Amino acid sequence: MAKIISFSKHQPKDTHASQRVEAGWLLVYTALWQHDNLPKHEIASAKQAIQQALTDRSRLKAAFIQYCERVLIANRLLQVDPAQWIDTPSIWFYPDHAEGFAGTLEVYNKVVVKRQSMPDYHRGISVFAEAYWAFINRPGPSLLRACRRRLLHLKEYGLLQLWNNVIMLHQSH
């Protein structure tokens, strides 16, 4: 007698989507609000915005890397001007807030254009973002060491510290 196997008509839930959102949250938290004790509603608001930023299923890797680079650009701008104020996540991720995540798109696009003539422009940011994508998909000590070596070679000490912090935070969750 044959066994009948029923197939669900529903698409399987992307279990990796929540992992990408969590990884995106850990990065932005470490880069911008590491020393802040944020209320749960702010974290939930940020994660919802991150999920929106990563919704393009046809280009998951590119969307995640772009998101990471935009967060790292914001972090770099904050390092250049420490007096700069970073709003709470619900405001920073607000779609029309030009001084938040939305505003990083213009800066990111300028970086992309500049990389066409200078491929190593802000290379540390792309090294970090690509390594973080690789880490969330297949973590391993060799990847951690390789990223560390590359950031050291580029003399990106601030990004190296951020890399170490986000990896430690990621591993504690």
N, C-alpha and C. Protein backbone atom coordinates (compact mmCIF):
# COMPACT_ATOMS: atom_id res chain seq x y z
N MET A 1 0.84 -1.17 0.00
CA MET A 1 0.00 0.00 0.00
C MET A 1 0.90 1.24 0.00
N ALA A 2 0.58 2.19 -0.84
CA ALA A 2 1.37 3.42 -0.97
C ALA A 2 1.00 4.41 0.11
N LYS A 3 1.98 5.08 0.57
CA LYS A 3 1.76 6.11 1.58
C LYS A 3 1.49 7.43 0.86
N ILE A 4 0.49 8.14 1.29
CA ILE A 4 0.15 9.43 0.69
C ILE A 4 0.87 10.53 1.46
N ILE A 5 1.58 11.33 0.72
CA ILE A 5 2.30 12.45 1.31
C ILE A 5 1.61 13.72 0.84
N SER A 6 1.17 14.51 1.77
CA SER A 6 0.52 15.76 1.38
C SER A 6 1.54 16.90 1.43
N PHE A 7 1.47 17.75 0.43
CA PHE A 7 2.35 18.90 0.37
C PHE A 7 1.54 20.14 0.68
N SER A 8 2.08 20.98 1.52
CA SER A 8 1.42 22.22 1.88
C SER A 8 1.48 23.18 0.71
N LYS A 9 0.39 23.90 0.51
CA LYS A 9 0.38 24.90 -0.56
C LYS A 9 1.06 26.19 -0.12
N HIS A 10 1.32 26.30 1.18
CA HIS A 10 1.96 27.50 1.69
C HIS A 10 3.46 27.41 1.44
N GLN A 11 4.04 28.57 1.16
CA GLN A 11 5.48 28.63 0.99
C GLN A 11 6.13 28.43 2.36
N PRO A 12 7.22 27.70 2.44
CA PRO A 12 7.88 27.55 3.73
C PRO A 12 8.40 28.90 4.21
N LYS A 13 8.30 29.12 5.50
CA LYS A 13 8.78 30.36 6.08
C LYS A 13 10.30 30.41 6.00
N ASP A 14 10.81 31.56 5.65
CA ASP A 14 12.25 31.74 5.54
C ASP A 14 12.82 31.88 6.95
N THR A 15 13.31 30.77 7.49
CA THR A 15 13.84 30.81 8.85
C THR A 15 15.12 31.64 8.92
N HIS A 16 15.80 31.77 7.82
CA HIS A 16 17.02 32.57 7.81
C HIS A 16 16.72 34.06 7.83
N ALA A 17 15.51 34.44 7.42
CA ALA A 17 15.15 35.86 7.42
C ALA A 17 15.24 36.45 8.82
N SER A 18 14.73 35.75 9.80
CA SER A 18 14.80 36.26 11.17
C SER A 18 16.25 36.32 11.66
N GLN A 19 17.08 35.40 11.20
CA GLN A 19 18.50 35.44 11.57
C GLN A 19 19.20 36.65 10.94
N ARG A 20 18.83 36.97 9.70
CA ARG A 20 19.41 38.15 9.05
C ARG A 20 18.96 39.43 9.75
N VAL A 21 17.70 39.48 10.13
CA VAL A 21 17.19 40.66 10.84
C VAL A 21 17.91 40.80 12.18
N GLU A 22 18.05 39.69 12.90
CA GLU A 22 18.76 39.74 14.19
C GLU A 22 20.21 40.17 13.99
N ALA A 23 20.87 39.66 12.97
CA ALA A 23 22.26 40.05 12.68
C ALA A 23 22.32 41.53 12.31
N GLY A 24 21.35 41.99 11.53
CA GLY A 24 21.28 43.41 11.17
C GLY A 24 21.08 44.29 12.40
N TRP A 25 20.23 43.81 13.31
CA TRP A 25 20.01 44.56 14.55
C TRP A 25 21.29 44.61 15.39
N LEU A 26 21.95 43.48 15.55
CA LEU A 26 23.17 43.45 16.37
C LEU A 26 24.24 44.40 15.80
N LEU A 27 24.32 44.47 14.48
CA LEU A 27 25.29 45.38 13.87
C LEU A 27 24.94 46.83 14.15
N VAL A 28 23.70 47.22 13.88
CA VAL A 28 23.34 48.63 14.06
C VAL A 28 23.36 49.01 15.54
N TYR A 29 22.98 48.11 16.40
CA TYR A 29 23.04 48.37 17.84
C TYR A 29 24.49 48.60 18.28
N THR A 30 25.37 47.73 17.84
CA THR A 30 26.78 47.84 18.21
C THR A 30 27.41 49.09 17.61
N ALA A 31 27.03 49.43 16.39
CA ALA A 31 27.63 50.57 15.70
C ALA A 31 27.13 51.91 16.21
N LEU A 32 25.86 51.97 16.64
CA LEU A 32 25.28 53.27 16.96
C LEU A 32 24.79 53.44 18.40
N TRP A 33 24.34 52.37 19.03
CA TRP A 33 23.71 52.51 20.34
C TRP A 33 24.29 51.56 21.39
N GLN A 34 25.50 51.12 21.22
CA GLN A 34 26.07 50.08 22.07
C GLN A 34 26.00 50.40 23.56
N HIS A 35 26.10 51.63 23.91
CA HIS A 35 26.12 51.99 25.33
C HIS A 35 24.75 52.43 25.84
N ASP A 36 23.73 52.27 25.02
CA ASP A 36 22.38 52.67 25.42
C ASP A 36 21.56 51.45 25.82
N ASN A 37 20.76 51.63 26.83
CA ASN A 37 19.82 50.59 27.25
C ASN A 37 18.48 50.94 26.61
N LEU A 38 18.20 50.34 25.48
CA LEU A 38 17.02 50.70 24.70
C LEU A 38 15.78 49.93 25.17
N PRO A 39 14.64 50.60 25.19
CA PRO A 39 13.40 49.90 25.55
C PRO A 39 13.01 48.88 24.47
N LYS A 40 12.24 47.89 24.86
CA LYS A 40 11.85 46.81 23.94
C LYS A 40 11.12 47.33 22.71
N HIS A 41 10.28 48.36 22.88
CA HIS A 41 9.53 48.86 21.72
C HIS A 41 10.46 49.51 20.69
N GLU A 42 11.59 50.09 21.14
CA GLU A 42 12.56 50.65 20.20
C GLU A 42 13.27 49.54 19.42
N ILE A 43 13.60 48.48 20.11
CA ILE A 43 14.26 47.34 19.46
C ILE A 43 13.30 46.70 18.45
N ALA A 44 12.04 46.54 18.84
CA ALA A 44 11.05 45.95 17.94
C ALA A 44 10.85 46.83 16.71
N SER A 45 10.82 48.14 16.91
CA SER A 45 10.66 49.08 15.80
C SER A 45 11.85 48.98 14.85
N ALA A 46 13.05 48.90 15.42
CA ALA A 46 14.25 48.79 14.59
C ALA A 46 14.24 47.49 13.80
N LYS A 47 13.90 46.40 14.44
CA LYS A 47 13.90 45.11 13.74
C LYS A 47 12.88 45.09 12.61
N GLN A 48 11.75 45.75 12.81
CA GLN A 48 10.75 45.83 11.75
C GLN A 48 11.31 46.63 10.56
N ALA A 49 12.00 47.72 10.85
CA ALA A 49 12.60 48.52 9.78
C ALA A 49 13.70 47.75 9.06
N ILE A 50 14.48 47.00 9.82
CA ILE A 50 15.55 46.19 9.21
C ILE A 50 14.94 45.13 8.30
N GLN A 51 13.86 44.52 8.75
CA GLN A 51 13.18 43.52 7.93
C GLN A 51 12.72 44.15 6.62
N GLN A 52 12.20 45.37 6.68
CA GLN A 52 11.80 46.08 5.46
C GLN A 52 12.99 46.32 4.54
N ALA A 53 14.13 46.69 5.13
CA ALA A 53 15.33 46.97 4.34
C ALA A 53 15.87 45.72 3.66
N LEU A 54 15.57 44.57 4.22
CA LEU A 54 16.12 43.31 3.71
C LEU A 54 15.08 42.46 2.97
N THR A 55 13.99 43.07 2.51
CA THR A 55 12.90 42.28 1.94
C THR A 55 13.12 41.78 0.52
N ASP A 56 14.07 42.33 -0.19
CA ASP A 56 14.27 41.92 -1.59
C ASP A 56 14.84 40.51 -1.65
N ARG A 57 13.96 39.51 -1.78
CA ARG A 57 14.37 38.11 -1.76
C ARG A 57 15.18 37.73 -3.00
N SER A 58 15.09 38.52 -4.06
CA SER A 58 15.82 38.17 -5.28
C SER A 58 17.31 38.51 -5.16
N ARG A 59 17.63 39.34 -4.19
CA ARG A 59 19.03 39.73 -4.01
C ARG A 59 19.36 39.86 -2.53
N LEU A 60 19.18 38.78 -1.81
CA LEU A 60 19.37 38.78 -0.36
C LEU A 60 20.76 39.26 0.05
N LYS A 61 21.77 38.69 -0.58
CA LYS A 61 23.14 39.03 -0.21
C LYS A 61 23.41 40.50 -0.48
N ALA A 62 23.06 40.98 -1.65
CA ALA A 62 23.31 42.38 -1.99
C ALA A 62 22.55 43.32 -1.06
N ALA A 63 21.32 42.98 -0.73
CA ALA A 63 20.53 43.83 0.17
C ALA A 63 21.15 43.87 1.56
N PHE A 64 21.61 42.72 2.04
CA PHE A 64 22.21 42.67 3.37
C PHE A 64 23.53 43.44 3.41
N ILE A 65 24.35 43.25 2.39
CA ILE A 65 25.64 43.95 2.34
C ILE A 65 25.43 45.46 2.23
N GLN A 66 24.47 45.87 1.42
CA GLN A 66 24.18 47.30 1.30
C GLN A 66 23.71 47.85 2.65
N TYR A 67 22.83 47.13 3.33
CA TYR A 67 22.37 47.54 4.65
C TYR A 67 23.57 47.72 5.59
N CYS A 68 24.45 46.73 5.63
CA CYS A 68 25.62 46.79 6.51
C CYS A 68 26.50 47.98 6.17
N GLU A 69 26.75 48.19 4.89
CA GLU A 69 27.61 49.31 4.50
C GLU A 69 26.99 50.64 4.90
N ARG A 70 25.68 50.77 4.78
CA ARG A 70 25.02 52.01 5.17
C ARG A 70 25.14 52.24 6.68
N VAL A 71 25.00 51.18 7.46
CA VAL A 71 25.17 51.31 8.92
C VAL A 71 26.62 51.68 9.24
N LEU A 72 27.56 51.07 8.55
CA LEU A 72 28.97 51.35 8.79
C LEU A 72 29.34 52.77 8.37
N ILE A 73 28.70 53.27 7.33
CA ILE A 73 28.90 54.66 6.92
C ILE A 73 28.40 55.59 8.03
N ALA A 74 27.23 55.29 8.59
CA ALA A 74 26.71 56.10 9.69
C ALA A 74 27.66 56.06 10.88
N ASN A 75 28.19 54.88 11.16
CA ASN A 75 29.16 54.73 12.26
C ASN A 75 30.41 55.57 11.98
N ARG A 76 30.88 55.54 10.75
CA ARG A 76 32.07 56.31 10.39
C ARG A 76 31.81 57.81 10.53
N LEU A 77 30.64 58.25 10.10
CA LEU A 77 30.30 59.67 10.24
C LEU A 77 30.22 60.07 11.70
N LEU A 78 29.73 59.19 12.53
CA LEU A 78 29.66 59.43 13.97
C LEU A 78 31.07 59.51 14.57
N GLN A 79 31.99 58.69 14.07
CA GLN A 79 33.37 58.71 14.56
C GLN A 79 34.07 60.01 14.17
N VAL A 80 33.75 60.52 12.98
CA VAL A 80 34.36 61.77 12.51
C VAL A 80 33.86 62.95 13.34
N ASP A 81 32.58 62.93 13.70
CA ASP A 81 32.00 64.01 14.49
C ASP A 81 31.28 63.42 15.70
N PRO A 82 32.03 63.14 16.77
CA PRO A 82 31.44 62.50 17.95
C PRO A 82 30.32 63.32 18.60
N ALA A 83 30.27 64.61 18.33
CA ALA A 83 29.21 65.44 18.89
C ALA A 83 27.88 65.21 18.17
N GLN A 84 27.95 64.53 17.04
CA GLN A 84 26.75 64.23 16.25
C GLN A 84 25.79 63.39 17.09
N TRP A 85 24.53 63.70 17.03
CA TRP A 85 23.50 63.00 17.80
C TRP A 85 22.87 61.92 16.94
N ILE A 86 22.75 60.73 17.49
CA ILE A 86 22.04 59.65 16.81
C ILE A 86 20.71 59.47 17.52
N ASP A 87 19.65 59.60 16.75
CA ASP A 87 18.30 59.45 17.32
C ASP A 87 18.04 58.02 17.77
N THR A 88 16.95 57.84 18.48
CA THR A 88 16.53 56.49 18.87
C THR A 88 16.21 55.69 17.60
N PRO A 89 16.24 54.37 17.68
CA PRO A 89 16.00 53.55 16.48
C PRO A 89 14.69 53.87 15.74
N SER A 90 13.60 54.11 16.47
CA SER A 90 12.32 54.38 15.80
C SER A 90 12.39 55.66 14.96
N ILE A 91 13.17 56.61 15.38
CA ILE A 91 13.34 57.85 14.60
C ILE A 91 14.40 57.65 13.53
N TRP A 92 15.54 57.04 13.89
CA TRP A 92 16.63 56.86 12.95
C TRP A 92 16.20 56.04 11.73
N PHE A 93 15.35 55.05 11.95
CA PHE A 93 14.88 54.21 10.84
C PHE A 93 13.63 54.75 10.15
N TYR A 94 13.10 55.86 10.62
CA TYR A 94 11.89 56.42 9.99
C TYR A 94 12.18 56.71 8.53
N PRO A 95 11.33 56.25 7.60
CA PRO A 95 11.64 56.33 6.16
C PRO A 95 11.93 57.72 5.62
N ASP A 96 11.36 58.77 6.20
CA ASP A 96 11.56 60.12 5.68
C ASP A 96 12.59 60.92 6.48
N HIS A 97 13.26 60.29 7.42
CA HIS A 97 14.23 61.00 8.27
C HIS A 97 15.58 61.06 7.57
N ALA A 98 15.86 62.21 6.97
CA ALA A 98 17.07 62.37 6.15
C ALA A 98 18.36 62.26 6.95
N GLU A 99 18.28 62.44 8.26
CA GLU A 99 19.49 62.34 9.09
C GLU A 99 19.61 60.96 9.74
N GLY A 100 18.83 60.01 9.25
CA GLY A 100 18.87 58.66 9.77
C GLY A 100 19.25 57.67 8.68
N PHE A 101 18.69 56.47 8.77
CA PHE A 101 19.01 55.42 7.81
C PHE A 101 18.68 55.84 6.38
N ALA A 102 17.57 56.53 6.20
CA ALA A 102 17.19 56.98 4.85
C ALA A 102 18.27 57.86 4.24
N GLY A 103 18.87 58.70 5.06
CA GLY A 103 19.92 59.60 4.57
C GLY A 103 21.21 58.89 4.20
N THR A 104 21.40 57.68 4.71
CA THR A 104 22.64 56.96 4.38
C THR A 104 22.63 56.45 2.94
N LEU A 105 21.44 56.36 2.33
CA LEU A 105 21.37 55.86 0.95
C LEU A 105 22.11 56.79 0.00
N GLU A 106 21.93 58.09 0.17
CA GLU A 106 22.61 59.05 -0.70
C GLU A 106 24.13 58.94 -0.54
N VAL A 107 24.60 58.86 0.68
CA VAL A 107 26.04 58.72 0.93
C VAL A 107 26.54 57.40 0.35
N TYR A 108 25.79 56.32 0.57
CA TYR A 108 26.16 55.01 0.03
C TYR A 108 26.27 55.07 -1.50
N ASN A 109 25.30 55.69 -2.16
CA ASN A 109 25.33 55.79 -3.62
C ASN A 109 26.56 56.57 -4.10
N LYS A 110 26.96 57.59 -3.35
CA LYS A 110 28.17 58.34 -3.70
C LYS A 110 29.41 57.45 -3.56
N VAL A 111 29.43 56.62 -2.53
CA VAL A 111 30.54 55.70 -2.33
C VAL A 111 30.61 54.71 -3.50
N VAL A 112 29.46 54.19 -3.91
CA VAL A 112 29.41 53.24 -5.03
C VAL A 112 29.94 53.90 -6.31
N VAL A 113 29.55 55.13 -6.58
CA VAL A 113 30.03 55.84 -7.76
C VAL A 113 31.54 56.06 -7.68
N LYS A 114 32.01 56.46 -6.52
CA LYS A 114 33.45 56.70 -6.34
C LYS A 114 34.25 55.41 -6.52
N ARG A 115 33.67 54.28 -6.11
CA ARG A 115 34.38 52.99 -6.25
C ARG A 115 34.55 52.58 -7.71
N GLN A 116 33.78 53.18 -8.61
CA GLN A 116 33.94 52.86 -10.02
C GLN A 116 35.30 53.36 -10.54
N SER A 117 35.76 54.47 -10.02
CA SER A 117 37.07 54.98 -10.44
C SER A 117 38.16 54.64 -9.43
N MET A 118 37.77 54.40 -8.16
CA MET A 118 38.73 54.06 -7.10
C MET A 118 38.19 52.82 -6.37
N PRO A 119 38.48 51.62 -6.88
CA PRO A 119 37.88 50.40 -6.32
C PRO A 119 38.13 50.17 -4.83
N ASP A 120 39.19 50.72 -4.27
CA ASP A 120 39.49 50.50 -2.86
C ASP A 120 38.92 51.59 -1.95
N TYR A 121 38.10 52.47 -2.50
CA TYR A 121 37.51 53.55 -1.71
C TYR A 121 36.62 52.95 -0.61
N HIS A 122 36.89 53.31 0.63
CA HIS A 122 36.18 52.76 1.80
C HIS A 122 36.17 51.23 1.77
N ARG A 123 37.28 50.66 1.40
CA ARG A 123 37.39 49.20 1.26
C ARG A 123 37.10 48.48 2.58
N GLY A 124 37.50 49.05 3.70
CA GLY A 124 37.25 48.41 4.99
C GLY A 124 35.78 48.16 5.25
N ILE A 125 34.95 49.09 4.81
CA ILE A 125 33.50 48.94 5.00
C ILE A 125 32.98 47.75 4.21
N SER A 126 33.43 47.63 2.97
CA SER A 126 32.96 46.49 2.17
C SER A 126 33.54 45.17 2.67
N VAL A 127 34.78 45.18 3.14
CA VAL A 127 35.38 43.96 3.72
C VAL A 127 34.55 43.51 4.91
N PHE A 128 34.22 44.44 5.80
CA PHE A 128 33.44 44.13 6.99
C PHE A 128 32.07 43.57 6.58
N ALA A 129 31.37 44.27 5.69
CA ALA A 129 30.01 43.87 5.31
C ALA A 129 30.00 42.49 4.66
N GLU A 130 30.94 42.23 3.77
CA GLU A 130 31.00 40.93 3.09
C GLU A 130 31.36 39.82 4.08
N ALA A 131 32.27 40.11 5.00
CA ALA A 131 32.65 39.11 6.00
C ALA A 131 31.50 38.84 6.96
N TYR A 132 30.73 39.86 7.29
CA TYR A 132 29.60 39.68 8.20
C TYR A 132 28.52 38.82 7.53
N TRP A 133 28.28 39.04 6.24
CA TRP A 133 27.35 38.19 5.50
C TRP A 133 27.82 36.74 5.54
N ALA A 134 29.10 36.53 5.28
CA ALA A 134 29.66 35.17 5.31
C ALA A 134 29.53 34.58 6.71
N PHE A 135 29.79 35.38 7.73
CA PHE A 135 29.75 34.90 9.12
C PHE A 135 28.35 34.46 9.52
N ILE A 136 27.33 35.23 9.16
CA ILE A 136 25.98 34.84 9.59
C ILE A 136 25.48 33.61 8.83
N ASN A 137 26.07 33.34 7.69
CA ASN A 137 25.65 32.18 6.91
C ASN A 137 26.48 30.93 7.20
N ARG A 138 27.73 31.12 7.58
CA ARG A 138 28.61 30.00 7.85
C ARG A 138 29.74 30.44 8.78
N PRO A 139 29.42 30.59 10.07
CA PRO A 139 30.43 31.09 11.00
C PRO A 139 31.59 30.09 11.16
N GLY A 140 32.75 30.63 11.38
CA GLY A 140 33.91 29.78 11.62
C GLY A 140 35.11 30.61 12.00
N PRO A 141 36.04 30.01 12.72
CA PRO A 141 37.21 30.77 13.19
C PRO A 141 38.10 31.27 12.05
N SER A 142 38.18 30.52 10.95
CA SER A 142 39.05 30.98 9.86
C SER A 142 38.50 32.26 9.23
N LEU A 143 37.19 32.38 9.15
CA LEU A 143 36.58 33.59 8.61
C LEU A 143 36.84 34.78 9.54
N LEU A 144 36.72 34.56 10.84
CA LEU A 144 36.98 35.62 11.80
C LEU A 144 38.42 36.12 11.69
N ARG A 145 39.36 35.18 11.59
CA ARG A 145 40.77 35.56 11.46
C ARG A 145 41.04 36.28 10.14
N ALA A 146 40.42 35.81 9.07
CA ALA A 146 40.65 36.42 7.75
C ALA A 146 40.15 37.87 7.74
N CYS A 147 38.99 38.10 8.29
CA CYS A 147 38.47 39.47 8.33
C CYS A 147 39.36 40.34 9.20
N ARG A 148 39.77 39.81 10.32
CA ARG A 148 40.65 40.56 11.23
C ARG A 148 41.94 40.95 10.50
N ARG A 149 42.55 39.99 9.80
CA ARG A 149 43.79 40.26 9.05
C ARG A 149 43.57 41.35 7.99
N ARG A 150 42.46 41.25 7.27
CA ARG A 150 42.20 42.22 6.20
C ARG A 150 41.99 43.62 6.77
N LEU A 151 41.24 43.72 7.88
CA LEU A 151 41.01 45.03 8.49
C LEU A 151 42.31 45.61 9.06
N LEU A 152 43.15 44.75 9.63
CA LEU A 152 44.45 45.21 10.11
C LEU A 152 45.33 45.70 8.95
N HIS A 153 45.32 44.94 7.86
CA HIS A 153 46.11 45.32 6.68
C HIS A 153 45.66 46.69 6.15
N LEU A 154 44.36 46.94 6.21
CA LEU A 154 43.82 48.22 5.73
C LEU A 154 43.95 49.33 6.78
N LYS A 155 44.47 48.98 7.96
CA LYS A 155 44.60 49.92 9.08
C LYS A 155 43.24 50.49 9.50
N GLU A 156 42.24 49.63 9.45
CA GLU A 156 40.86 50.01 9.84
C GLU A 156 40.63 49.57 11.28
N TYR A 157 41.32 50.22 12.21
CA TYR A 157 41.28 49.80 13.60
C TYR A 157 39.91 50.00 14.25
N GLY A 158 39.22 51.08 13.87
CA GLY A 158 37.87 51.30 14.38
C GLY A 158 36.91 50.22 13.93
N LEU A 159 37.01 49.85 12.65
CA LEU A 159 36.16 48.78 12.12
C LEU A 159 36.54 47.44 12.75
N LEU A 160 37.82 47.24 13.02
CA LEU A 160 38.25 46.01 13.67
C LEU A 160 37.64 45.89 15.07
N GLN A 161 37.64 46.99 15.81
CA GLN A 161 37.03 46.98 17.14
C GLN A 161 35.53 46.71 17.03
N LEU A 162 34.88 47.35 16.08
CA LEU A 162 33.44 47.12 15.86
C LEU A 162 33.19 45.66 15.47
N TRP A 163 34.05 45.11 14.60
CA TRP A 163 33.94 43.71 14.18
C TRP A 163 34.01 42.78 15.41
N ASN A 164 35.01 43.00 16.24
CA ASN A 164 35.15 42.18 17.45
C ASN A 164 33.93 42.30 18.35
N ASN A 165 33.43 43.53 18.52
CA ASN A 165 32.28 43.75 19.39
C ASN A 165 31.01 43.09 18.85
N VAL A 166 30.77 43.23 17.56
CA VAL A 166 29.54 42.67 17.00
C VAL A 166 29.60 41.14 16.99
N ILE A 167 30.77 40.57 16.76
CA ILE A 167 30.91 39.11 16.77
C ILE A 167 30.68 38.58 18.20
N MET A 168 31.26 39.25 19.18
CA MET A 168 31.04 38.82 20.57
C MET A 168 29.56 38.91 20.96
N LEU A 169 28.92 39.99 20.56
CA LEU A 169 27.50 40.17 20.85
C LEU A 169 26.68 39.10 20.11
N HIS A 170 27.04 38.84 18.87
CA HIS A 170 26.34 37.83 18.07
C HIS A 170 26.47 36.45 18.72
N GLN A 171 27.65 36.13 19.19
CA GLN A 171 27.87 34.81 19.79
C GLN A 171 27.20 34.67 21.15
N SER A 172 26.90 35.79 21.80
CA SER A 172 26.25 35.71 23.12
C SER A 172 24.73 35.58 22.98
N HIS A 173 24.22 35.74 21.78
CA HIS A 173 22.76 35.61 21.58
C HIS A 173 22.40 34.21 21.15
